[in-house]
Amino acid sequence: MLKMELVEGRYAPVVICDWCGRLIDHADRGNYEYEVAEDGRPIGDRLFFTHTECCQAFEEARGGPGHWRMDDLRCLPLQLGVVLGIDWDEAAAQCGLGPYTPAPAARTRQRGEENEPAPELGEID
């Protein structure tokens, strides 16, 4: 779940694991998930958040892995940015965060795959 908490003197959204209830403190340690029908279309409108290590138990308790799709939590802000048409420099300035400097692109992690460093730019297929 997303919730607001005081972080370094400012209120900010944080991500809480929907399985264990603990904070997901770094994007590479979490996923976002949504339930799907047999044809792969989303069921309902809710996103769930899980730690990488909680993903399997969360899915098994809710119908099994075949009923769920997940993606690396690092992808969510970028996907939302595209959908919302975010100008990242403008957004960073609006939030008082200074100029935006993109990090190297992250590759989507497959189920069961360990966290790996993101590839350097130019290494992505």
Foldseek 3Di string as FASTA:
>chain_A
DWDWDQDPNDIDIFAAAPQPRHTPPDQQQKKKKFFADQVRHGDDDDIGMHGLVCVQVVQVVPPGPSGMDIWRSVCVVVVVCVVVVDPQQVVCVVVVNHGDDDDADADIDDRPDDRDDRDHPPPDD
